[in-house]
Full PDB file with SEQRES, HELIX, SHEET, SSBOND, CRYST1, ORIGX, SCALE, CONECT and MASTER records, all heavy atoms in Angstrom:
SEQRES   1 A   41  ALA ILE VAL THR ALA ALA LEU ALA ILE CYS GLY PHE ALA          
SEQRES   2 A   41  VAL LEU LEU ALA VAL VAL VAL SER VAL PHE CYS GLY ILE          
SEQRES   3 A   41  VAL GLY MET ILE ILE ALA SER ALA GLY MET ILE VAL ILE          
SEQRES   4 A   41  GLY VAL                                                      
HELIX    1 AA1 ILE A    2  GLY A   40  1                                  39    
CRYST1    1.000    1.000    1.000  90.00  90.00  90.00 P 1           1          
ORIGX1      1.000000  0.000000  0.000000        0.00000                         
ORIGX2      0.000000  1.000000  0.000000        0.00000                         
ORIGX3      0.000000  0.000000  1.000000        0.00000                         
SCALE1      1.000000  0.000000  0.000000        0.00000                         
SCALE2      0.000000  1.000000  0.000000        0.00000                         
SCALE3      0.000000  0.000000  1.000000        0.00000                         
ATOM      1  N   ALA A   1     138.829 -37.892  97.233  1.00  0.00           N  
ATOM      2  CA  ALA A   1     140.049 -38.362  96.427  1.00  0.00           C  
ATOM      3  C   ALA A   1     139.602 -38.919  95.017  1.00  0.00           C  
ATOM      4  O   ALA A   1     140.285 -38.547  94.122  1.00  0.00           O  
ATOM      5  CB  ALA A   1     140.771 -39.567  97.199  1.00  0.00           C  
ATOM      6  N   ILE A   2     138.543 -39.633  94.984  1.00  0.00           N  
ATOM      7  CA  ILE A   2     138.090 -40.174  93.647  1.00  0.00           C  
ATOM      8  C   ILE A   2     137.687 -39.085  92.709  1.00  0.00           C  
ATOM      9  O   ILE A   2     138.080 -38.927  91.622  1.00  0.00           O  
ATOM     10  CB  ILE A   2     136.963 -41.146  93.810  1.00  0.00           C  
ATOM     11  CG1 ILE A   2     137.442 -42.419  94.541  1.00  0.00           C  
ATOM     12  CG2 ILE A   2     136.377 -41.522  92.499  1.00  0.00           C  
ATOM     13  CD1 ILE A   2     136.318 -43.363  94.893  1.00  0.00           C  
ATOM     14  N   VAL A   3     136.869 -38.105  93.279  1.00  0.00           N  
ATOM     15  CA  VAL A   3     136.394 -36.958  92.433  1.00  0.00           C  
ATOM     16  C   VAL A   3     137.591 -36.129  91.932  1.00  0.00           C  
ATOM     17  O   VAL A   3     137.630 -35.751  90.688  1.00  0.00           O  
ATOM     18  CB  VAL A   3     135.365 -36.099  93.258  1.00  0.00           C  
ATOM     19  CG1 VAL A   3     135.101 -34.831  92.469  1.00  0.00           C  
ATOM     20  CG2 VAL A   3     134.095 -36.903  93.424  1.00  0.00           C  
ATOM     21  N   THR A   4     138.427 -35.813  92.863  1.00  0.00           N  
ATOM     22  CA  THR A   4     139.639 -34.976  92.390  1.00  0.00           C  
ATOM     23  C   THR A   4     140.451 -35.641  91.480  1.00  0.00           C  
ATOM     24  O   THR A   4     140.857 -35.032  90.484  1.00  0.00           O  
ATOM     25  CB  THR A   4     140.428 -34.613  93.718  1.00  0.00           C  
ATOM     26  OG1 THR A   4     139.573 -34.021  94.704  1.00  0.00           O  
ATOM     27  CG2 THR A   4     141.476 -33.589  93.354  1.00  0.00           C  
ATOM     28  N   ALA A   5     140.726 -36.929  91.631  1.00  0.00           N  
ATOM     29  CA  ALA A   5     141.630 -37.674  90.700  1.00  0.00           C  
ATOM     30  C   ALA A   5     140.975 -37.786  89.388  1.00  0.00           C  
ATOM     31  O   ALA A   5     141.577 -37.720  88.323  1.00  0.00           O  
ATOM     32  CB  ALA A   5     141.917 -38.945  91.295  1.00  0.00           C  
ATOM     33  N   ALA A   6     139.663 -38.026  89.362  1.00  0.00           N  
ATOM     34  CA  ALA A   6     138.873 -38.121  88.140  1.00  0.00           C  
ATOM     35  C   ALA A   6     138.859 -36.770  87.403  1.00  0.00           C  
ATOM     36  O   ALA A   6     139.102 -36.883  86.173  1.00  0.00           O  
ATOM     37  CB  ALA A   6     137.377 -38.460  88.425  1.00  0.00           C  
ATOM     38  N   LEU A   7     138.718 -35.746  88.032  1.00  0.00           N  
ATOM     39  CA  LEU A   7     138.844 -34.426  87.403  1.00  0.00           C  
ATOM     40  C   LEU A   7     140.191 -34.196  86.695  1.00  0.00           C  
ATOM     41  O   LEU A   7     140.353 -33.724  85.634  1.00  0.00           O  
ATOM     42  CB  LEU A   7     138.594 -33.302  88.375  1.00  0.00           C  
ATOM     43  CG  LEU A   7     137.061 -33.083  88.838  1.00  0.00           C  
ATOM     44  CD1 LEU A   7     136.954 -32.082  89.887  1.00  0.00           C  
ATOM     45  CD2 LEU A   7     136.253 -32.769  87.619  1.00  0.00           C  
ATOM     46  N   ALA A   8     141.213 -34.594  87.509  1.00  0.00           N  
ATOM     47  CA  ALA A   8     142.554 -34.406  87.045  1.00  0.00           C  
ATOM     48  C   ALA A   8     142.830 -35.274  85.785  1.00  0.00           C  
ATOM     49  O   ALA A   8     143.443 -34.828  84.836  1.00  0.00           O  
ATOM     50  CB  ALA A   8     143.659 -34.818  88.132  1.00  0.00           C  
ATOM     51  N   ILE A   9     142.424 -36.645  85.854  1.00  0.00           N  
ATOM     52  CA  ILE A   9     142.576 -37.404  84.658  1.00  0.00           C  
ATOM     53  C   ILE A   9     141.802 -36.893  83.465  1.00  0.00           C  
ATOM     54  O   ILE A   9     142.363 -37.002  82.381  1.00  0.00           O  
ATOM     55  CB  ILE A   9     142.179 -38.880  85.133  1.00  0.00           C  
ATOM     56  CG1 ILE A   9     143.127 -39.475  86.200  1.00  0.00           C  
ATOM     57  CG2 ILE A   9     142.125 -39.798  83.875  1.00  0.00           C  
ATOM     58  CD1 ILE A   9     142.676 -40.779  86.785  1.00  0.00           C  
ATOM     59  N   CYS A  10     140.583 -36.474  83.723  1.00  0.00           N  
ATOM     60  CA  CYS A  10     139.814 -35.971  82.560  1.00  0.00           C  
ATOM     61  C   CYS A  10     140.397 -34.790  81.987  1.00  0.00           C  
ATOM     62  O   CYS A  10     140.467 -34.580  80.717  1.00  0.00           O  
ATOM     63  CB  CYS A  10     138.363 -35.615  83.034  1.00  0.00           C  
ATOM     64  SG  CYS A  10     137.281 -37.107  83.514  1.00  0.00           S  
ATOM     65  N   GLY A  11     140.943 -33.847  82.718  1.00  0.00           N  
ATOM     66  CA  GLY A  11     141.637 -32.645  82.251  1.00  0.00           C  
ATOM     67  C   GLY A  11     142.827 -33.097  81.491  1.00  0.00           C  
ATOM     68  O   GLY A  11     143.107 -32.509  80.399  1.00  0.00           O  
ATOM     69  N   PHE A  12     143.564 -34.101  82.024  1.00  0.00           N  
ATOM     70  CA  PHE A  12     144.761 -34.531  81.261  1.00  0.00           C  
ATOM     71  C   PHE A  12     144.370 -35.142  79.922  1.00  0.00           C  
ATOM     72  O   PHE A  12     145.066 -34.845  78.899  1.00  0.00           O  
ATOM     73  CB  PHE A  12     145.462 -35.599  82.171  1.00  0.00           C  
ATOM     74  CG  PHE A  12     146.654 -36.230  81.468  1.00  0.00           C  
ATOM     75  CD1 PHE A  12     147.843 -35.610  81.503  1.00  0.00           C  
ATOM     76  CD2 PHE A  12     146.494 -37.403  80.908  1.00  0.00           C  
ATOM     77  CE1 PHE A  12     148.979 -36.154  80.903  1.00  0.00           C  
ATOM     78  CE2 PHE A  12     147.576 -38.007  80.274  1.00  0.00           C  
ATOM     79  CZ  PHE A  12     148.840 -37.416  80.281  1.00  0.00           C  
ATOM     80  N   ALA A  13     143.313 -35.938  79.879  1.00  0.00           N  
ATOM     81  CA  ALA A  13     142.794 -36.558  78.691  1.00  0.00           C  
ATOM     82  C   ALA A  13     142.425 -35.483  77.552  1.00  0.00           C  
ATOM     83  O   ALA A  13     142.749 -35.566  76.425  1.00  0.00           O  
ATOM     84  CB  ALA A  13     141.709 -37.489  78.900  1.00  0.00           C  
ATOM     85  N   VAL A  14     141.671 -34.501  78.114  1.00  0.00           N  
ATOM     86  CA  VAL A  14     141.233 -33.377  77.212  1.00  0.00           C  
ATOM     87  C   VAL A  14     142.413 -32.654  76.628  1.00  0.00           C  
ATOM     88  O   VAL A  14     142.516 -32.345  75.452  1.00  0.00           O  
ATOM     89  CB  VAL A  14     140.288 -32.477  77.820  1.00  0.00           C  
ATOM     90  CG1 VAL A  14     140.012 -31.292  77.064  1.00  0.00           C  
ATOM     91  CG2 VAL A  14     139.021 -33.199  78.235  1.00  0.00           C  
ATOM     92  N   LEU A  15     143.342 -32.294  77.534  1.00  0.00           N  
ATOM     93  CA  LEU A  15     144.607 -31.637  77.036  1.00  0.00           C  
ATOM     94  C   LEU A  15     145.333 -32.394  76.076  1.00  0.00           C  
ATOM     95  O   LEU A  15     145.789 -31.851  75.063  1.00  0.00           O  
ATOM     96  CB  LEU A  15     145.559 -31.422  78.295  1.00  0.00           C  
ATOM     97  CG  LEU A  15     146.763 -30.714  78.070  1.00  0.00           C  
ATOM     98  CD1 LEU A  15     146.730 -29.337  77.398  1.00  0.00           C  
ATOM     99  CD2 LEU A  15     147.598 -30.663  79.358  1.00  0.00           C  
ATOM    100  N   LEU A  16     145.488 -33.648  76.266  1.00  0.00           N  
ATOM    101  CA  LEU A  16     146.233 -34.608  75.343  1.00  0.00           C  
ATOM    102  C   LEU A  16     145.489 -34.634  73.918  1.00  0.00           C  
ATOM    103  O   LEU A  16     146.150 -34.543  72.961  1.00  0.00           O  
ATOM    104  CB  LEU A  16     146.336 -36.028  75.882  1.00  0.00           C  
ATOM    105  CG  LEU A  16     147.114 -36.968  75.213  1.00  0.00           C  
ATOM    106  CD1 LEU A  16     148.716 -36.467  75.003  1.00  0.00           C  
ATOM    107  CD2 LEU A  16     147.172 -38.398  75.825  1.00  0.00           C  
ATOM    108  N   ALA A  17     144.183 -34.722  74.050  1.00  0.00           N  
ATOM    109  CA  ALA A  17     143.355 -34.793  72.764  1.00  0.00           C  
ATOM    110  C   ALA A  17     143.485 -33.454  71.970  1.00  0.00           C  
ATOM    111  O   ALA A  17     143.702 -33.536  70.660  1.00  0.00           O  
ATOM    112  CB  ALA A  17     141.917 -35.041  73.058  1.00  0.00           C  
ATOM    113  N   VAL A  18     143.484 -32.356  72.744  1.00  0.00           N  
ATOM    114  CA  VAL A  18     143.590 -31.039  71.978  1.00  0.00           C  
ATOM    115  C   VAL A  18     144.984 -30.837  71.458  1.00  0.00           C  
ATOM    116  O   VAL A  18     145.228 -30.420  70.303  1.00  0.00           O  
ATOM    117  CB  VAL A  18     143.373 -29.908  73.020  1.00  0.00           C  
ATOM    118  CG1 VAL A  18     143.738 -28.627  72.400  1.00  0.00           C  
ATOM    119  CG2 VAL A  18     141.860 -29.838  73.386  1.00  0.00           C  
ATOM    120  N   VAL A  19     146.028 -31.340  72.195  1.00  0.00           N  
ATOM    121  CA  VAL A  19     147.399 -31.227  71.755  1.00  0.00           C  
ATOM    122  C   VAL A  19     147.666 -32.118  70.417  1.00  0.00           C  
ATOM    123  O   VAL A  19     148.247 -31.580  69.515  1.00  0.00           O  
ATOM    124  CB  VAL A  19     148.403 -31.667  72.854  1.00  0.00           C  
ATOM    125  CG1 VAL A  19     149.773 -31.838  72.267  1.00  0.00           C  
ATOM    126  CG2 VAL A  19     148.391 -30.664  73.939  1.00  0.00           C  
ATOM    127  N   VAL A  20     147.177 -33.330  70.531  1.00  0.00           N  
ATOM    128  CA  VAL A  20     147.388 -34.219  69.343  1.00  0.00           C  
ATOM    129  C   VAL A  20     146.633 -33.698  68.147  1.00  0.00           C  
ATOM    130  O   VAL A  20     147.201 -33.662  67.042  1.00  0.00           O  
ATOM    131  CB  VAL A  20     146.775 -35.630  69.748  1.00  0.00           C  
ATOM    132  CG1 VAL A  20     146.789 -36.505  68.473  1.00  0.00           C  
ATOM    133  CG2 VAL A  20     147.681 -36.246  70.758  1.00  0.00           C  
ATOM    134  N   SER A  21     145.359 -33.126  68.350  1.00  0.00           N  
ATOM    135  CA  SER A  21     144.682 -32.594  67.230  1.00  0.00           C  
ATOM    136  C   SER A  21     145.360 -31.361  66.583  1.00  0.00           C  
ATOM    137  O   SER A  21     145.473 -31.242  65.327  1.00  0.00           O  
ATOM    138  CB  SER A  21     143.282 -32.238  67.704  1.00  0.00           C  
ATOM    139  OG  SER A  21     142.550 -33.336  68.127  1.00  0.00           O  
ATOM    140  N   VAL A  22     145.823 -30.524  67.436  1.00  0.00           N  
ATOM    141  CA  VAL A  22     146.545 -29.203  66.938  1.00  0.00           C  
ATOM    142  C   VAL A  22     147.807 -29.630  66.198  1.00  0.00           C  
ATOM    143  O   VAL A  22     147.989 -29.192  65.100  1.00  0.00           O  
ATOM    144  CB  VAL A  22     146.796 -28.327  68.121  1.00  0.00           C  
ATOM    145  CG1 VAL A  22     147.710 -27.195  67.730  1.00  0.00           C  
ATOM    146  CG2 VAL A  22     145.508 -27.682  68.686  1.00  0.00           C  
ATOM    147  N   PHE A  23     148.561 -30.486  66.769  1.00  0.00           N  
ATOM    148  CA  PHE A  23     149.856 -30.857  66.083  1.00  0.00           C  
ATOM    149  C   PHE A  23     149.622 -31.622  64.854  1.00  0.00           C  
ATOM    150  O   PHE A  23     150.419 -31.521  63.829  1.00  0.00           O  
ATOM    151  CB  PHE A  23     150.746 -31.653  67.068  1.00  0.00           C  
ATOM    152  CG  PHE A  23     151.512 -30.691  67.995  1.00  0.00           C  
ATOM    153  CD1 PHE A  23     151.016 -30.504  69.295  1.00  0.00           C  
ATOM    154  CD2 PHE A  23     152.664 -30.138  67.648  1.00  0.00           C  
ATOM    155  CE1 PHE A  23     151.743 -29.710  70.182  1.00  0.00           C  
ATOM    156  CE2 PHE A  23     153.342 -29.301  68.542  1.00  0.00           C  
ATOM    157  CZ  PHE A  23     152.923 -29.085  69.819  1.00  0.00           C  
ATOM    158  N   CYS A  24     148.697 -32.467  64.830  1.00  0.00           N  
ATOM    159  CA  CYS A  24     148.313 -33.221  63.646  1.00  0.00           C  
ATOM    160  C   CYS A  24     148.001 -32.255  62.504  1.00  0.00           C  
ATOM    161  O   CYS A  24     148.356 -32.334  61.248  1.00  0.00           O  
ATOM    162  CB  CYS A  24     147.238 -34.231  63.839  1.00  0.00           C  
ATOM    163  SG  CYS A  24     147.777 -35.688  64.709  1.00  0.00           S  
ATOM    164  N   GLY A  25     147.134 -31.194  62.884  1.00  0.00           N  
ATOM    165  CA  GLY A  25     146.702 -30.206  61.805  1.00  0.00           C  
ATOM    166  C   GLY A  25     147.986 -29.469  61.323  1.00  0.00           C  
ATOM    167  O   GLY A  25     148.004 -29.217  60.080  1.00  0.00           O  
ATOM    168  N   ILE A  26     148.759 -29.025  62.233  1.00  0.00           N  
ATOM    169  CA  ILE A  26     149.967 -28.261  61.906  1.00  0.00           C  
ATOM    170  C   ILE A  26     150.893 -28.967  60.939  1.00  0.00           C  
ATOM    171  O   ILE A  26     151.329 -28.587  59.896  1.00  0.00           O  
ATOM    172  CB  ILE A  26     150.666 -27.640  63.093  1.00  0.00           C  
ATOM    173  CG1 ILE A  26     149.907 -26.701  63.775  1.00  0.00           C  
ATOM    174  CG2 ILE A  26     151.998 -27.097  62.721  1.00  0.00           C  
ATOM    175  CD1 ILE A  26     150.437 -26.211  65.131  1.00  0.00           C  
ATOM    176  N   VAL A  27     151.109 -30.318  61.359  1.00  0.00           N  
ATOM    177  CA  VAL A  27     152.005 -31.182  60.554  1.00  0.00           C  
ATOM    178  C   VAL A  27     151.345 -31.337  59.153  1.00  0.00           C  
ATOM    179  O   VAL A  27     152.112 -31.342  58.137  1.00  0.00           O  
ATOM    180  CB  VAL A  27     152.189 -32.485  61.272  1.00  0.00           C  
ATOM    181  CG1 VAL A  27     152.930 -33.515  60.302  1.00  0.00           C  
ATOM    182  CG2 VAL A  27     153.060 -32.306  62.517  1.00  0.00           C  
ATOM    183  N   GLY A  28     150.040 -31.558  59.065  1.00  0.00           N  
ATOM    184  CA  GLY A  28     149.397 -31.756  57.843  1.00  0.00           C  
ATOM    185  C   GLY A  28     149.543 -30.539  56.826  1.00  0.00           C  
ATOM    186  O   GLY A  28     149.819 -30.678  55.695  1.00  0.00           O  
ATOM    187  N   MET A  29     149.430 -29.338  57.469  1.00  0.00           N  
ATOM    188  CA  MET A  29     149.476 -28.177  56.697  1.00  0.00           C  
ATOM    189  C   MET A  29     150.978 -27.905  56.201  1.00  0.00           C  
ATOM    190  O   MET A  29     151.221 -27.406  55.199  1.00  0.00           O  
ATOM    191  CB  MET A  29     148.982 -26.927  57.487  1.00  0.00           C  
ATOM    192  CG  MET A  29     147.439 -26.991  57.733  1.00  0.00           C  
ATOM    193  SD  MET A  29     146.510 -27.362  56.264  1.00  0.00           S  
ATOM    194  CE  MET A  29     146.840 -25.825  55.333  1.00  0.00           C  
ATOM    195  N   ILE A  30     151.916 -28.218  57.092  1.00  0.00           N  
ATOM    196  CA  ILE A  30     153.292 -28.143  56.659  1.00  0.00           C  
ATOM    197  C   ILE A  30     153.691 -28.978  55.452  1.00  0.00           C  
ATOM    198  O   ILE A  30     154.343 -28.648  54.537  1.00  0.00           O  
ATOM    199  CB  ILE A  30     154.267 -28.447  57.871  1.00  0.00           C  
ATOM    200  CG1 ILE A  30     154.196 -27.288  58.886  1.00  0.00           C  
ATOM    201  CG2 ILE A  30     155.624 -28.589  57.381  1.00  0.00           C  
ATOM    202  CD1 ILE A  30     154.998 -27.542  60.257  1.00  0.00           C  
ATOM    203  N   ILE A  31     153.063 -30.213  55.529  1.00  0.00           N  
ATOM    204  CA  ILE A  31     153.335 -31.222  54.433  1.00  0.00           C  
ATOM    205  C   ILE A  31     152.688 -30.656  53.148  1.00  0.00           C  
ATOM    206  O   ILE A  31     153.203 -30.675  52.050  1.00  0.00           O  
ATOM    207  CB  ILE A  31     152.682 -32.545  54.877  1.00  0.00           C  
ATOM    208  CG1 ILE A  31     153.553 -33.245  55.906  1.00  0.00           C  
ATOM    209  CG2 ILE A  31     152.716 -33.466  53.547  1.00  0.00           C  
ATOM    210  CD1 ILE A  31     152.940 -34.464  56.456  1.00  0.00           C  
ATOM    211  N   ALA A  32     151.498 -30.029  53.293  1.00  0.00           N  
ATOM    212  CA  ALA A  32     150.736 -29.501  52.163  1.00  0.00           C  
ATOM    213  C   ALA A  32     151.515 -28.461  51.580  1.00  0.00           C  
ATOM    214  O   ALA A  32     151.667 -28.235  50.288  1.00  0.00           O  
ATOM    215  CB  ALA A  32     149.393 -29.083  52.575  1.00  0.00           C  
ATOM    216  N   SER A  33     152.051 -27.513  52.475  1.00  0.00           N  
ATOM    217  CA  SER A  33     152.927 -26.421  51.976  1.00  0.00           C  
ATOM    218  C   SER A  33     154.195 -26.876  51.225  1.00  0.00           C  
ATOM    219  O   SER A  33     154.497 -26.320  50.177  1.00  0.00           O  
ATOM    220  CB  SER A  33     153.231 -25.467  53.141  1.00  0.00           C  
ATOM    221  OG  SER A  33     152.129 -24.945  53.751  1.00  0.00           O  
ATOM    222  N   ALA A  34     154.794 -27.824  51.786  1.00  0.00           N  
ATOM    223  CA  ALA A  34     155.997 -28.468  51.135  1.00  0.00           C  
ATOM    224  C   ALA A  34     155.553 -29.000  49.797  1.00  0.00           C  
ATOM    225  O   ALA A  34     156.339 -28.865  48.769  1.00  0.00           O  
ATOM    226  CB  ALA A  34     156.560 -29.540  52.091  1.00  0.00           C  
ATOM    227  N   GLY A  35     154.408 -29.658  49.672  1.00  0.00           N  
ATOM    228  CA  GLY A  35     153.913 -30.198  48.458  1.00  0.00           C  
ATOM    229  C   GLY A  35     153.729 -29.086  47.417  1.00  0.00           C  
ATOM    230  O   GLY A  35     154.037 -29.271  46.178  1.00  0.00           O  
ATOM    231  N   MET A  36     153.176 -27.923  47.855  1.00  0.00           N  
ATOM    232  CA  MET A  36     153.012 -26.830  46.838  1.00  0.00           C  
ATOM    233  C   MET A  36     154.290 -26.301  46.338  1.00  0.00           C  
ATOM    234  O   MET A  36     154.531 -26.024  45.139  1.00  0.00           O  
ATOM    235  CB  MET A  36     152.336 -25.639  47.661  1.00  0.00           C  
ATOM    236  CG  MET A  36     150.921 -25.855  47.968  1.00  0.00           C  
ATOM    237  SD  MET A  36     150.191 -24.428  48.868  1.00  0.00           S  
ATOM    238  CE  MET A  36     150.375 -23.099  47.741  1.00  0.00           C  
ATOM    239  N   ILE A  37     155.376 -26.259  47.264  1.00  0.00           N  
ATOM    240  CA  ILE A  37     156.697 -25.883  46.697  1.00  0.00           C  
ATOM    241  C   ILE A  37     157.186 -26.884  45.670  1.00  0.00           C  
ATOM    242  O   ILE A  37     157.780 -26.507  44.605  1.00  0.00           O  
ATOM    243  CB  ILE A  37     157.622 -25.874  47.841  1.00  0.00           C  
ATOM    244  CG1 ILE A  37     157.293 -24.679  48.772  1.00  0.00           C  
ATOM    245  CG2 ILE A  37     159.086 -25.559  47.431  1.00  0.00           C  
ATOM    246  CD1 ILE A  37     158.146 -24.561  50.117  1.00  0.00           C  
ATOM    247  N   VAL A  38     157.118 -28.179  45.927  1.00  0.00           N  
ATOM    248  CA  VAL A  38     157.556 -29.176  45.030  1.00  0.00           C  
ATOM    249  C   VAL A  38     156.851 -29.135  43.695  1.00  0.00           C  
ATOM    250  O   VAL A  38     157.397 -29.189  42.586  1.00  0.00           O  
ATOM    251  CB  VAL A  38     157.300 -30.614  45.573  1.00  0.00           C  
ATOM    252  CG1 VAL A  38     157.571 -31.702  44.550  1.00  0.00           C  
ATOM    253  CG2 VAL A  38     158.241 -30.766  46.846  1.00  0.00           C  
ATOM    254  N   ILE A  39     155.541 -28.915  43.800  1.00  0.00           N  
ATOM    255  CA  ILE A  39     154.717 -28.827  42.481  1.00  0.00           C  
ATOM    256  C   ILE A  39     155.100 -27.568  41.759  1.00  0.00           C  
ATOM    257  O   ILE A  39     155.164 -27.536  40.506  1.00  0.00           O  
ATOM    258  CB  ILE A  39     153.230 -28.757  42.773  1.00  0.00           C  
ATOM    259  CG1 ILE A  39     152.761 -30.175  43.350  1.00  0.00           C  
ATOM    260  CG2 ILE A  39     152.433 -28.398  41.622  1.00  0.00           C  
ATOM    261  CD1 ILE A  39     151.408 -30.142  43.826  1.00  0.00           C  
ATOM    262  N   GLY A  40     155.427 -26.512  42.521  1.00  0.00           N  
ATOM    263  CA  GLY A  40     155.844 -25.224  41.825  1.00  0.00           C  
ATOM    264  C   GLY A  40     157.100 -25.416  41.105  1.00  0.00           C  
ATOM    265  O   GLY A  40     157.323 -24.951  39.974  1.00  0.00           O  
ATOM    266  N   VAL A  41     158.073 -26.029  41.809  1.00  0.00           N  
ATOM    267  CA  VAL A  41     159.393 -26.316  41.092  1.00  0.00           C  
ATOM    268  C   VAL A  41     159.172 -27.107  39.835  1.00  0.00           C  
ATOM    269  O   VAL A  41     159.815 -26.876  38.802  1.00  0.00           O  
ATOM    270  CB  VAL A  41     160.362 -26.973  42.090  1.00  0.00           C  
ATOM    271  CG1 VAL A  41     161.592 -27.446  41.364  1.00  0.00           C  
ATOM    272  CG2 VAL A  41     160.695 -26.050  43.285  1.00  0.00           C  
TER     273      VAL A  41                                                      
MASTER        0    0    0    1    0    0    0    6  272    1    0    4          
END                                                                             
């Protein structure tokens, strides 16, 4: 039970870290793209 639960929690933690990193990167690039439009105008 301990090993299985530990694997599940580790998998969940890794998944959460990947998701946060990906979404932060995407949001950052969207903000940068919007900044390019503003500067262009």
